[in-house]
C-alpha atoms as a PDB file:
ATOM      1  CA  MET A   1     -97.837 128.017 -45.340  1.00  0.00           C
ATOM      2  CA  SER A   2     -94.111 127.661 -44.545  1.00  0.00           C
ATOM      3  CA  MET A   3     -94.077 124.362 -46.452  1.00  0.00           C
ATOM      4  CA  PHE A   4     -95.546 126.148 -49.459  1.00  0.00           C
ATOM      5  CA  ALA A   5     -92.854 128.886 -49.283  1.00  0.00           C
ATOM      6  CA  LEU A   6     -90.059 126.324 -48.898  1.00  0.00           C
ATOM      7  CA  THR A   7     -91.364 124.441 -51.937  1.00  0.00           C
ATOM      8  CA  TRP A   8     -91.206 127.583 -54.064  1.00  0.00           C
ATOM      9  CA  ILE A   9     -87.772 128.467 -52.706  1.00  0.00           C
ATOM     10  CA  GLY A  10     -86.591 124.932 -53.534  1.00  0.00           C
ATOM     11  CA  LEU A  11     -87.962 125.192 -57.074  1.00  0.00           C
ATOM     12  CA  GLY A  12     -86.262 128.581 -57.448  1.00  0.00           C
ATOM     13  CA  CYS A  13     -82.957 127.098 -56.284  1.00  0.00           C
ATOM     14  CA  TRP A  14     -83.293 124.274 -58.831  1.00  0.00           C
ATOM     15  CA  GLY A  15     -83.936 126.841 -61.562  1.00  0.00           C
ATOM     16  CA  VAL A  16     -80.900 128.894 -60.586  1.00  0.00           C
ATOM     17  CA  CYS A  17     -78.764 125.752 -60.368  1.00  0.00           C
ATOM     18  CA  PHE A  18     -79.951 124.589 -63.809  1.00  0.00           C
ATOM     19  CA  TRP A  19     -79.205 128.031 -65.320  1.00  0.00           C
ATOM     20  CA  TRP A  20     -75.774 128.094 -63.660  1.00  0.00           C
ATOM     21  CA  MET A  21     -74.849 124.614 -64.960  1.00  0.00           C
ATOM     22  CA  HIS A  22     -76.100 125.504 -68.435  1.00  0.00           C
ATOM     23  CA  ARG A  23     -73.921 128.614 -68.398  1.00  0.00           C
ATOM     24  CA  ILE A  24     -70.842 126.628 -67.304  1.00  0.00           C
ATOM     25  CA  SER A  25     -71.556 123.993 -69.945  1.00  0.00           C
ATOM     26  CA  ALA A  26     -71.808 126.632 -72.681  1.00  0.00           C
ATOM     27  CA  ARG A  27     -68.456 128.099 -71.613  1.00  0.00           C
ATOM     28  CA  GLN A  28     -66.846 124.649 -71.599  1.00  0.00           C
ATOM     29  CA  GLU A  29     -68.263 123.928 -75.045  1.00  0.00           C
ATOM     30  CA  ALA A  30     -66.836 127.204 -76.388  1.00  0.00           C
ATOM     31  CA  MET A  31     -63.454 126.412 -74.820  1.00  0.00           C
ATOM     32  CA  LEU A  32     -63.430 122.903 -76.310  1.00  0.00           C
ATOM     33  CA  LYS A  33     -64.347 124.271 -79.736  1.00  0.00           C
ATOM     34  CA  GLU A  34     -61.505 126.796 -79.551  1.00  0.00           C
ATOM     35  CA  LEU A  35     -59.099 124.090 -78.383  1.00  0.00           C
ATOM     36  CA  HIS A  36     -60.173 121.817 -81.241  1.00  0.00           C
ATOM     37  CA  GLU A  37     -59.591 124.616 -83.782  1.00  0.00           C
ATOM     38  CA  MET A  38     -56.168 125.266 -82.271  1.00  0.00           C
ATOM     39  CA  THR A  39     -55.146 121.609 -82.421  1.00  0.00           C
ATOM     40  CA  THR A  40     -56.381 121.403 -86.015  1.00  0.00           C
ATOM     41  CA  ARG A  41     -54.169 124.358 -86.957  1.00  0.00           C
ATOM     42  CA  ILE A  42     -51.208 122.802 -85.146  1.00  0.00           C
ATOM     43  CA  GLU A  43     -51.760 119.482 -86.921  1.00  0.00           C
ATOM     44  CA  ARG A  44     -51.843 121.221 -90.315  1.00  0.00           C
ATOM     45  CA  LEU A  45     -48.646 123.140 -89.528  1.00  0.00           C
ATOM     46  CA  SER A  46     -46.986 119.993 -88.256  1.00  0.00           C
ATOM     47  CA  GLN A  47     -47.965 118.100 -91.416  1.00  0.00           C
ATOM     48  CA  ALA A  48     -46.629 120.919 -93.608  1.00  0.00           C
ATOM     49  CA  GLU A  49     -43.372 120.928 -91.634  1.00  0.00           C
ATOM     50  CA  HIS A  50     -43.122 117.150 -91.955  1.00  0.00           C
ATOM     51  CA  ASP A  51     -43.681 117.380 -95.718  1.00  0.00           C
ATOM     52  CA  LEU A  52     -40.976 120.045 -96.028  1.00  0.00           C
ATOM     53  CA  ILE A  53     -38.520 117.984 -94.035  1.00  0.00           C
ATOM     54  CA  ARG A  54     -39.309 114.918 -96.127  1.00  0.00           C
ATOM     55  CA  ASP A  55     -38.700 116.934 -99.322  1.00  0.00           C
ATOM     56  CA  VAL A  56     -35.458 118.449 -98.028  1.00  0.00           C
ATOM     57  CA  HIS A  57     -33.970 115.376 -96.350  1.00  0.00           C
ATOM     58  CA  PRO A  58     -32.944 113.455 -99.505  1.00  0.00           C
ATOM     59  CA  LYS A  59     -31.572 116.667-101.001  1.00  0.00           C
ATOM     60  CA  VAL A  60     -29.375 117.229 -97.952  1.00  0.00           C
ATOM     61  CA  HIS A  61     -27.756 113.839 -98.524  1.00  0.00           C
ATOM     62  CA  GLU A  62     -27.251 114.644-102.216  1.00  0.00           C
ATOM     63  CA  ILE A  63     -25.707 118.024-101.353  1.00  0.00           C
ATOM     64  CA  LYS A  64     -23.374 116.375 -98.851  1.00  0.00           C
ATOM     65  CA  GLU A  65     -22.207 113.887-101.496  1.00  0.00           C
ATOM     66  CA  HIS A  66     -21.722 116.722-103.986  1.00  0.00           C
ATOM     67  CA  VAL A  67     -19.668 118.715-101.478  1.00  0.00           C
ATOM     68  CA  GLU A  68     -17.501 115.653-100.783  1.00  0.00           C
ATOM     69  CA  ASN A  69     -16.950 115.155-104.527  1.00  0.00           C
ATOM     70  CA  VAL A  70     -15.988 118.808-104.953  1.00  0.00           C
ATOM     71  CA  ALA A  71     -13.677 118.607-101.939  1.00  0.00           C
ATOM     72  CA  GLU A  72     -11.956 115.552-103.442  1.00  0.00           C
ATOM     73  CA  ALA A  73     -11.614 117.260-106.823  1.00  0.00           C
ATOM     74  CA  VAL A  74     -10.193 120.405-105.264  1.00  0.00           C
ATOM     75  CA  SER A  75      -7.743 118.462-103.108  1.00  0.00           C
ATOM     76  CA  THR A  76      -6.497 116.455-106.103  1.00  0.00           C
ATOM     77  CA  GLN A  77      -6.136 119.662-108.132  1.00  0.00           C
ATOM     78  CA  ASN A  78      -4.233 121.311-105.276  1.00  0.00           C
ATOM     79  CA  SER A  79      -1.901 118.337-104.915  1.00  0.00           C
ATOM     80  CA  ALA A  80      -1.387 118.217-108.695  1.00  0.00           C
ATOM     81  CA  ALA A  81      -0.615 121.946-108.755  1.00  0.00           C
ATOM     82  CA  LYS A  82       1.862 121.531-105.902  1.00  0.00           C
ATOM     83  CA  ASP A  83       3.546 118.615-107.690  1.00  0.00           C
ATOM     84  CA  ALA A  84       3.768 120.638-110.913  1.00  0.00           C
ATOM     85  CA  SER A  85       5.280 123.649-109.159  1.00  0.00           C
ATOM     86  CA  SER A  86       7.881 121.553-107.333  1.00  0.00           C
END
């Protein structure tokens, strides 16, 4: 009779263990899904940022050249004005 009771207790323990592992697995799956969604959002934001930087980068160089040209023009005008006033 005790062997019969231990068998049922063992089967009950296996059932509880299976339920417990299934519950943990479901939680892990939900966490992985959330993590995947988060990384997908980060990748999209990173790609958008990269595209913006790529669009702006050549323009920064052009602006720098334009500023240098203006600085040269202003300095030559200032030196010409000083020469004319002297």
